């Protein structure tokens, strides 16, 4: 097993930021209907809308869980604009393994979820 695969497996077995934030700005649940992966994300945002803390509860395959874990490390301090720029290519590079077409939605579930959560938080703030 190469180093990238070992890192991916470690994030799958021991996801970072695992758990629900008791104090959060937004909470979102997403499901990948193609495979059944589930992800709950709780975000605590600062007064400028940047991610101050994140909690993840992944239930799914190694790709979606590792993606959520790795992203949770990178997203602290990021704004909606910065998160919106995250591309499939970046996620695949971060994972360090080739993602076949059937697993793209698995890898991108955390990105889609976090973008939705930030948009929800932004819409609440503007009301």
C-alpha atoms as a PDB file:
ATOM      1  CA  UNK A   1       0.000   0.000   0.000  1.00  0.00           C
ATOM      2  CA  UNK A   2       1.406   3.401  -0.907  1.00  0.00           C
ATOM      3  CA  UNK A   3       1.593   6.376   1.429  1.00  0.00           C
ATOM      4  CA  UNK A   4      -1.489   8.109  -0.019  1.00  0.00           C
ATOM      5  CA  UNK A   5      -3.596   4.976   0.403  1.00  0.00           C
ATOM      6  CA  UNK A   6      -2.413   4.623   4.008  1.00  0.00           C
ATOM      7  CA  UNK A   7      -3.341   8.251   4.716  1.00  0.00           C
ATOM      8  CA  UNK A   8      -6.790   7.753   3.147  1.00  0.00           C
ATOM      9  CA  UNK A   9      -7.401   4.604   5.234  1.00  0.00           C
ATOM     10  CA  UNK A  10      -6.268   6.419   8.390  1.00  0.00           C
ATOM     11  CA  UNK A  11      -8.752   9.259   7.745  1.00  0.00           C
ATOM     12  CA  UNK A  12     -11.468   6.655   7.122  1.00  0.00           C
ATOM     13  CA  UNK A  13     -10.760   4.783  10.360  1.00  0.00           C
ATOM     14  CA  UNK A  14     -10.080   7.901  12.454  1.00  0.00           C
ATOM     15  CA  UNK A  15     -11.898  10.890  10.904  1.00  0.00           C
ATOM     16  CA  UNK A  16     -10.723  14.277  12.137  1.00  0.00           C
ATOM     17  CA  UNK A  17     -13.258  16.665  13.701  1.00  0.00           C
ATOM     18  CA  UNK A  18     -15.652  13.746  14.224  1.00  0.00           C
ATOM     19  CA  UNK A  19     -18.675  14.633  16.276  1.00  0.00           C
ATOM     20  CA  UNK A  20     -21.472  17.130  16.543  1.00  0.00           C
ATOM     21  CA  UNK A  21     -20.700  20.688  17.622  1.00  0.00           C
ATOM     22  CA  UNK A  22     -22.983  21.558  20.537  1.00  0.00           C
ATOM     23  CA  UNK A  23     -22.684  25.227  19.638  1.00  0.00           C
ATOM     24  CA  UNK A  24     -23.052  25.677  15.889  1.00  0.00           C
ATOM     25  CA  UNK A  25     -24.222  28.239  13.374  1.00  0.00           C
ATOM     26  CA  UNK A  26     -25.599  25.715  10.916  1.00  0.00           C
ATOM     27  CA  UNK A  27     -26.261  21.989  10.785  1.00  0.00           C
ATOM     28  CA  UNK A  28     -26.857  20.078   7.582  1.00  0.00           C
ATOM     29  CA  UNK A  29     -27.531  16.455   6.645  1.00  0.00           C
ATOM     30  CA  UNK A  30     -26.737  15.213   3.152  1.00  0.00           C
ATOM     31  CA  UNK A  31     -27.160  11.821   1.508  1.00  0.00           C
ATOM     32  CA  UNK A  32     -25.660  10.401  -1.661  1.00  0.00           C
ATOM     33  CA  UNK A  33     -28.710   8.557  -3.060  1.00  0.00           C
ATOM     34  CA  UNK A  34     -26.553   6.516  -5.444  1.00  0.00           C
ATOM     35  CA  UNK A  35     -24.656   4.668  -2.712  1.00  0.00           C
ATOM     36  CA  UNK A  36     -26.318   5.639   0.571  1.00  0.00           C
ATOM     37  CA  UNK A  37     -23.395   7.574   2.062  1.00  0.00           C
ATOM     38  CA  UNK A  38     -24.610  10.034   4.711  1.00  0.00           C
ATOM     39  CA  UNK A  39     -22.911  13.067   6.169  1.00  0.00           C
ATOM     40  CA  UNK A  40     -23.891  15.430   8.944  1.00  0.00           C
ATOM     41  CA  UNK A  41     -21.883  18.627   9.205  1.00  0.00           C
ATOM     42  CA  UNK A  42     -22.124  21.225  11.939  1.00  0.00           C
ATOM     43  CA  UNK A  43     -20.325  24.516  11.422  1.00  0.00           C
ATOM     44  CA  UNK A  44     -19.544  27.320  13.803  1.00  0.00           C
ATOM     45  CA  UNK A  45     -18.974  30.549  11.906  1.00  0.00           C
ATOM     46  CA  UNK A  46     -17.340  33.721  13.134  1.00  0.00           C
ATOM     47  CA  UNK A  47     -18.920  37.157  12.681  1.00  0.00           C
ATOM     48  CA  UNK A  48     -17.328  37.458   9.222  1.00  0.00           C
ATOM     49  CA  UNK A  49     -18.822  34.169   8.014  1.00  0.00           C
ATOM     50  CA  UNK A  50     -15.581  32.194   8.171  1.00  0.00           C
ATOM     51  CA  UNK A  51     -15.518  28.652   9.504  1.00  0.00           C
ATOM     52  CA  UNK A  52     -14.392  28.791  13.120  1.00  0.00           C
ATOM     53  CA  UNK A  53     -14.996  25.093  13.905  1.00  0.00           C
ATOM     54  CA  UNK A  54     -16.435  22.055  12.173  1.00  0.00           C
ATOM     55  CA  UNK A  55     -17.927  18.768  13.268  1.00  0.00           C
ATOM     56  CA  UNK A  56     -18.522  15.844  10.939  1.00  0.00           C
ATOM     57  CA  UNK A  57     -20.476  12.631  11.325  1.00  0.00           C
ATOM     58  CA  UNK A  58     -19.786  10.554   8.235  1.00  0.00           C
ATOM     59  CA  UNK A  59     -21.560   7.269   7.564  1.00  0.00           C
ATOM     60  CA  UNK A  60     -20.343   5.750   4.359  1.00  0.00           C
ATOM     61  CA  UNK A  61     -17.507   4.486   2.278  1.00  0.00           C
ATOM     62  CA  UNK A  62     -13.805   5.153   2.752  1.00  0.00           C
ATOM     63  CA  UNK A  63     -13.738   7.773  -0.024  1.00  0.00           C
ATOM     64  CA  UNK A  64     -16.548   9.964   1.368  1.00  0.00           C
ATOM     65  CA  UNK A  65     -15.392   9.615   4.986  1.00  0.00           C
ATOM     66  CA  UNK A  66     -11.743  10.373   4.167  1.00  0.00           C
ATOM     67  CA  UNK A  67     -12.777  13.291   1.976  1.00  0.00           C
ATOM     68  CA  UNK A  68     -14.872  14.752   4.820  1.00  0.00           C
ATOM     69  CA  UNK A  69     -12.041  14.270   7.305  1.00  0.00           C
ATOM     70  CA  UNK A  70      -9.355  15.780   5.085  1.00  0.00           C
ATOM     71  CA  UNK A  71     -11.565  18.719   4.135  1.00  0.00           C
ATOM     72  CA  UNK A  72     -12.463  19.383   7.768  1.00  0.00           C
ATOM     73  CA  UNK A  73      -8.762  19.977   8.444  1.00  0.00           C
ATOM     74  CA  UNK A  74      -8.412  22.406   5.542  1.00  0.00           C
ATOM     75  CA  UNK A  75     -11.605  24.425   6.035  1.00  0.00           C
ATOM     76  CA  UNK A  76     -11.025  26.074   9.398  1.00  0.00           C
ATOM     77  CA  UNK A  77     -10.696  29.805   8.719  1.00  0.00           C
ATOM     78  CA  UNK A  78     -12.146  29.615   5.194  1.00  0.00           C
ATOM     79  CA  UNK A  79     -14.957  31.811   3.879  1.00  0.00           C
ATOM     80  CA  UNK A  80     -17.842  30.866   1.577  1.00  0.00           C
ATOM     81  CA  UNK A  81     -15.949  32.381  -1.366  1.00  0.00           C
ATOM     82  CA  UNK A  82     -12.905  30.226  -0.607  1.00  0.00           C
ATOM     83  CA  UNK A  83     -15.007  27.085  -0.193  1.00  0.00           C
ATOM     84  CA  UNK A  84     -16.857  27.775  -3.460  1.00  0.00           C
ATOM     85  CA  UNK A  85     -13.507  27.560  -5.280  1.00  0.00           C
ATOM     86  CA  UNK A  86     -12.828  23.963  -4.179  1.00  0.00           C
ATOM     87  CA  UNK A  87     -12.841  21.821  -7.311  1.00  0.00           C
ATOM     88  CA  UNK A  88     -13.134  18.107  -8.006  1.00  0.00           C
ATOM     89  CA  UNK A  89      -9.513  18.159  -9.112  1.00  0.00           C
ATOM     90  CA  UNK A  90      -8.409  19.573  -5.732  1.00  0.00           C
ATOM     91  CA  UNK A  91     -10.382  16.940  -3.831  1.00  0.00           C
ATOM     92  CA  UNK A  92      -8.957  14.108  -5.924  1.00  0.00           C
ATOM     93  CA  UNK A  93      -5.431  15.451  -5.433  1.00  0.00           C
ATOM     94  CA  UNK A  94      -6.042  15.736  -1.680  1.00  0.00           C
ATOM     95  CA  UNK A  95      -7.273  12.118  -1.539  1.00  0.00           C
ATOM     96  CA  UNK A  96      -4.173  10.968  -3.389  1.00  0.00           C
ATOM     97  CA  UNK A  97      -5.895   8.090  -5.154  1.00  0.00           C
ATOM     98  CA  UNK A  98      -7.575   7.744  -8.500  1.00  0.00           C
ATOM     99  CA  UNK A  99     -11.308   8.216  -8.095  1.00  0.00           C
ATOM    100  CA  UNK A 100     -13.298   6.275 -10.666  1.00  0.00           C
ATOM    101  CA  UNK A 101     -16.439   7.842 -12.165  1.00  0.00           C
ATOM    102  CA  UNK A 102     -18.770   5.815  -9.950  1.00  0.00           C
ATOM    103  CA  UNK A 103     -17.106   7.264  -6.801  1.00  0.00           C
ATOM    104  CA  UNK A 104     -16.976  10.946  -7.777  1.00  0.00           C
ATOM    105  CA  UNK A 105     -20.190  11.723  -5.864  1.00  0.00           C
ATOM    106  CA  UNK A 106     -18.713   9.941  -2.821  1.00  0.00           C
ATOM    107  CA  UNK A 107     -15.612  12.128  -2.896  1.00  0.00           C
ATOM    108  CA  UNK A 108     -17.605  15.308  -3.499  1.00  0.00           C
ATOM    109  CA  UNK A 109     -20.373  14.730  -0.905  1.00  0.00           C
ATOM    110  CA  UNK A 110     -18.480  16.696   1.784  1.00  0.00           C
ATOM    111  CA  UNK A 111     -17.804  19.608  -0.578  1.00  0.00           C
ATOM    112  CA  UNK A 112     -21.437  19.780  -1.688  1.00  0.00           C
ATOM    113  CA  UNK A 113     -22.572  19.559   1.949  1.00  0.00           C
ATOM    114  CA  UNK A 114     -20.270  22.300   3.207  1.00  0.00           C
ATOM    115  CA  UNK A 115     -21.203  24.634   0.349  1.00  0.00           C
ATOM    116  CA  UNK A 116     -24.908  24.106   1.113  1.00  0.00           C
ATOM    117  CA  UNK A 117     -24.316  24.689   4.824  1.00  0.00           C
ATOM    118  CA  UNK A 118     -22.476  27.959   4.187  1.00  0.00           C
ATOM    119  CA  UNK A 119     -25.157  29.158   1.762  1.00  0.00           C
ATOM    120  CA  UNK A 120     -27.821  28.325   4.356  1.00  0.00           C
ATOM    121  CA  UNK A 121     -25.929  30.246   7.021  1.00  0.00           C
ATOM    122  CA  UNK A 122     -25.488  33.186   4.667  1.00  0.00           C
ATOM    123  CA  UNK A 123     -29.205  33.240   3.816  1.00  0.00           C
ATOM    124  CA  UNK A 124     -30.114  33.230   7.517  1.00  0.00           C
ATOM    125  CA  UNK A 125     -27.754  36.111   8.167  1.00  0.00           C
ATOM    126  CA  UNK A 126     -29.263  38.284   5.416  1.00  0.00           C
ATOM    127  CA  UNK A 127     -32.816  37.868   6.694  1.00  0.00           C
END
